[in-house]
């Protein structure tokens, strides 16, 4: 079973860093921007 993450504010500095980190760890990443 794959791990899924939802990141709010993915276009910000912290959100984009977190998305990249989770993708490297094998997560399926979904994001919401304002």
PDB file of N, CA and C in Angstrom:
ATOM      1  N   UNK A   1       0.855  -1.185   0.000  1.00  0.00           N
ATOM      2  CA  UNK A   1       0.000   0.000   0.000  1.00  0.00           C
ATOM      3  C   UNK A   1       0.896   1.242   0.000  1.00  0.00           C
ATOM      4  N   UNK A   2       0.616   2.155  -0.900  1.00  0.00           N
ATOM      5  CA  UNK A   2       1.451   3.352  -1.014  1.00  0.00           C
ATOM      6  C   UNK A   2       1.029   4.402   0.010  1.00  0.00           C
ATOM      7  N   UNK A   3       1.978   5.231   0.378  1.00  0.00           N
ATOM      8  CA  UNK A   3       1.714   6.319   1.312  1.00  0.00           C
ATOM      9  C   UNK A   3       1.335   7.551   0.507  1.00  0.00           C
ATOM     10  N   UNK A   4       0.341   8.274   0.997  1.00  0.00           N
ATOM     11  CA  UNK A   4      -0.167   9.454   0.299  1.00  0.00           C
ATOM     12  C   UNK A   4      -0.093  10.647   1.244  1.00  0.00           C
ATOM     13  N   UNK A   5       0.328  11.798   0.705  1.00  0.00           N
ATOM     14  CA  UNK A   5       0.401  13.027   1.501  1.00  0.00           C
ATOM     15  C   UNK A   5      -0.342  14.145   0.782  1.00  0.00           C
ATOM     16  N   UNK A   6      -1.066  14.945   1.549  1.00  0.00           N
ATOM     17  CA  UNK A   6      -1.724  16.144   1.036  1.00  0.00           C
ATOM     18  C   UNK A   6      -1.055  17.342   1.692  1.00  0.00           C
ATOM     19  N   UNK A   7      -0.506  18.232   0.866  1.00  0.00           N
ATOM     20  CA  UNK A   7       0.207  19.399   1.382  1.00  0.00           C
ATOM     21  C   UNK A   7      -0.563  20.650   0.989  1.00  0.00           C
ATOM     22  N   UNK A   8      -0.963  21.420   1.997  1.00  0.00           N
ATOM     23  CA  UNK A   8      -1.597  22.708   1.718  1.00  0.00           C
ATOM     24  C   UNK A   8      -0.494  23.752   1.655  1.00  0.00           C
ATOM     25  N   UNK A   9      -0.599  24.680   0.723  1.00  0.00           N
ATOM     26  CA  UNK A   9       0.445  25.691   0.558  1.00  0.00           C
ATOM     27  C   UNK A   9       1.687  25.127  -0.101  1.00  0.00           C
ATOM     28  N   UNK A  10       1.486  24.243  -1.068  1.00  0.00           N
ATOM     29  CA  UNK A  10       2.615  23.530  -1.687  1.00  0.00           C
ATOM     30  C   UNK A  10       3.525  24.452  -2.498  1.00  0.00           C
ATOM     31  N   UNK A  11       3.042  25.620  -2.888  1.00  0.00           N
ATOM     32  CA  UNK A  11       3.877  26.525  -3.689  1.00  0.00           C
ATOM     33  C   UNK A  11       4.816  27.365  -2.832  1.00  0.00           C
ATOM     34  N   UNK A  12       4.643  27.326  -1.529  1.00  0.00           N
ATOM     35  CA  UNK A  12       5.529  28.077  -0.637  1.00  0.00           C
ATOM     36  C   UNK A  12       6.863  27.367  -0.444  1.00  0.00           C
ATOM     37  N   UNK A  13       7.767  28.036   0.259  1.00  0.00           N
ATOM     38  CA  UNK A  13       9.109  27.489   0.474  1.00  0.00           C
ATOM     39  C   UNK A  13       9.058  26.164   1.234  1.00  0.00           C
ATOM     40  N   UNK A  14       8.358  26.133   2.355  1.00  0.00           N
ATOM     41  CA  UNK A  14       8.306  24.915   3.163  1.00  0.00           C
ATOM     42  C   UNK A  14       7.511  23.815   2.472  1.00  0.00           C
ATOM     43  N   UNK A  15       6.412  24.193   1.829  1.00  0.00           N
ATOM     44  CA  UNK A  15       5.587  23.200   1.149  1.00  0.00           C
ATOM     45  C   UNK A  15       6.312  22.523   0.003  1.00  0.00           C
ATOM     46  N   UNK A  16       7.055  23.295  -0.775  1.00  0.00           N
ATOM     47  CA  UNK A  16       7.775  22.706  -1.907  1.00  0.00           C
ATOM     48  C   UNK A  16       8.924  21.827  -1.422  1.00  0.00           C
ATOM     49  N   UNK A  17       9.588  22.231  -0.345  1.00  0.00           N
ATOM     50  CA  UNK A  17      10.664  21.413   0.224  1.00  0.00           C
ATOM     51  C   UNK A  17      10.099  20.094   0.747  1.00  0.00           C
ATOM     52  N   UNK A  18       8.972  20.176   1.458  1.00  0.00           N
ATOM     53  CA  UNK A  18       8.344  18.977   2.005  1.00  0.00           C
ATOM     54  C   UNK A  18       7.890  18.038   0.893  1.00  0.00           C
ATOM     55  N   UNK A  19       7.318  18.590  -0.174  1.00  0.00           N
ATOM     56  CA  UNK A  19       6.869  17.768  -1.296  1.00  0.00           C
ATOM     57  C   UNK A  19       8.041  17.019  -1.919  1.00  0.00           C
ATOM     58  N   UNK A  20       9.142  17.701  -2.124  1.00  0.00           N
ATOM     59  CA  UNK A  20      10.322  17.067  -2.713  1.00  0.00           C
ATOM     60  C   UNK A  20      10.849  15.953  -1.811  1.00  0.00           C
ATOM     61  N   UNK A  21      10.899  16.214  -0.519  1.00  0.00           N
ATOM     62  CA  UNK A  21      11.379  15.224   0.441  1.00  0.00           C
ATOM     63  C   UNK A  21      10.492  13.974   0.444  1.00  0.00           C
ATOM     64  N   UNK A  22       9.178  14.192   0.469  1.00  0.00           N
ATOM     65  CA  UNK A  22       8.254  13.060   0.503  1.00  0.00           C
ATOM     66  C   UNK A  22       8.298  12.257  -0.792  1.00  0.00           C
ATOM     67  N   UNK A  23       8.444  12.933  -1.929  1.00  0.00           N
ATOM     68  CA  UNK A  23       8.556  12.221  -3.202  1.00  0.00           C
ATOM     69  C   UNK A  23       9.791  11.329  -3.217  1.00  0.00           C
ATOM     70  N   UNK A  24      10.889  11.821  -2.674  1.00  0.00           N
ATOM     71  CA  UNK A  24      12.114  11.021  -2.603  1.00  0.00           C
ATOM     72  C   UNK A  24      11.927   9.794  -1.720  1.00  0.00           C
ATOM     73  N   UNK A  25      11.040   9.898  -0.732  1.00  0.00           N
ATOM     74  CA  UNK A  25      10.787   8.790   0.185  1.00  0.00           C
ATOM     75  C   UNK A  25       9.704   7.849  -0.330  1.00  0.00           C
ATOM     76  N   UNK A  26       9.183   8.113  -1.541  1.00  0.00           N
ATOM     77  CA  UNK A  26       8.224   7.205  -2.155  1.00  0.00           C
ATOM     78  C   UNK A  26       6.761   7.527  -1.926  1.00  0.00           C
ATOM     79  N   UNK A  27       6.476   8.696  -1.397  1.00  0.00           N
ATOM     80  CA  UNK A  27       5.089   9.095  -1.172  1.00  0.00           C
ATOM     81  C   UNK A  27       4.439   9.541  -2.483  1.00  0.00           C
ATOM     82  N   UNK A  28       3.132   9.383  -2.548  1.00  0.00           N
ATOM     83  CA  UNK A  28       2.328  10.005  -3.603  1.00  0.00           C
ATOM     84  C   UNK A  28       1.877  11.344  -3.019  1.00  0.00           C
ATOM     85  N   UNK A  29       2.270  12.443  -3.655  1.00  0.00           N
ATOM     86  CA  UNK A  29       2.038  13.772  -3.083  1.00  0.00           C
ATOM     87  C   UNK A  29       0.978  14.526  -3.877  1.00  0.00           C
ATOM     88  N   UNK A  30       0.017  15.088  -3.147  1.00  0.00           N
ATOM     89  CA  UNK A  30      -1.000  15.963  -3.726  1.00  0.00           C
ATOM     90  C   UNK A  30      -0.885  17.303  -3.020  1.00  0.00           C
ATOM     91  N   UNK A  31      -1.095  18.385  -3.762  1.00  0.00           N
ATOM     92  CA  UNK A  31      -0.946  19.702  -3.160  1.00  0.00           C
ATOM     93  C   UNK A  31      -2.096  20.631  -3.478  1.00  0.00           C
ATOM     94  N   UNK A  32      -2.297  21.578  -2.579  1.00  0.00           N
ATOM     95  CA  UNK A  32      -3.318  22.618  -2.739  1.00  0.00           C
ATOM     96  C   UNK A  32      -2.609  23.963  -2.695  1.00  0.00           C
ATOM     97  N   UNK A  33      -2.935  24.822  -3.657  1.00  0.00           N
ATOM     98  CA  UNK A  33      -2.385  26.178  -3.623  1.00  0.00           C
ATOM     99  C   UNK A  33      -3.509  27.171  -3.444  1.00  0.00           C
ATOM    100  N   UNK A  34      -3.150  28.344  -2.982  1.00  0.00           N
ATOM    101  CA  UNK A  34      -4.149  29.368  -2.716  1.00  0.00           C
ATOM    102  C   UNK A  34      -4.380  30.193  -3.943  1.00  0.00           C
TER     103      UNK A  34
END
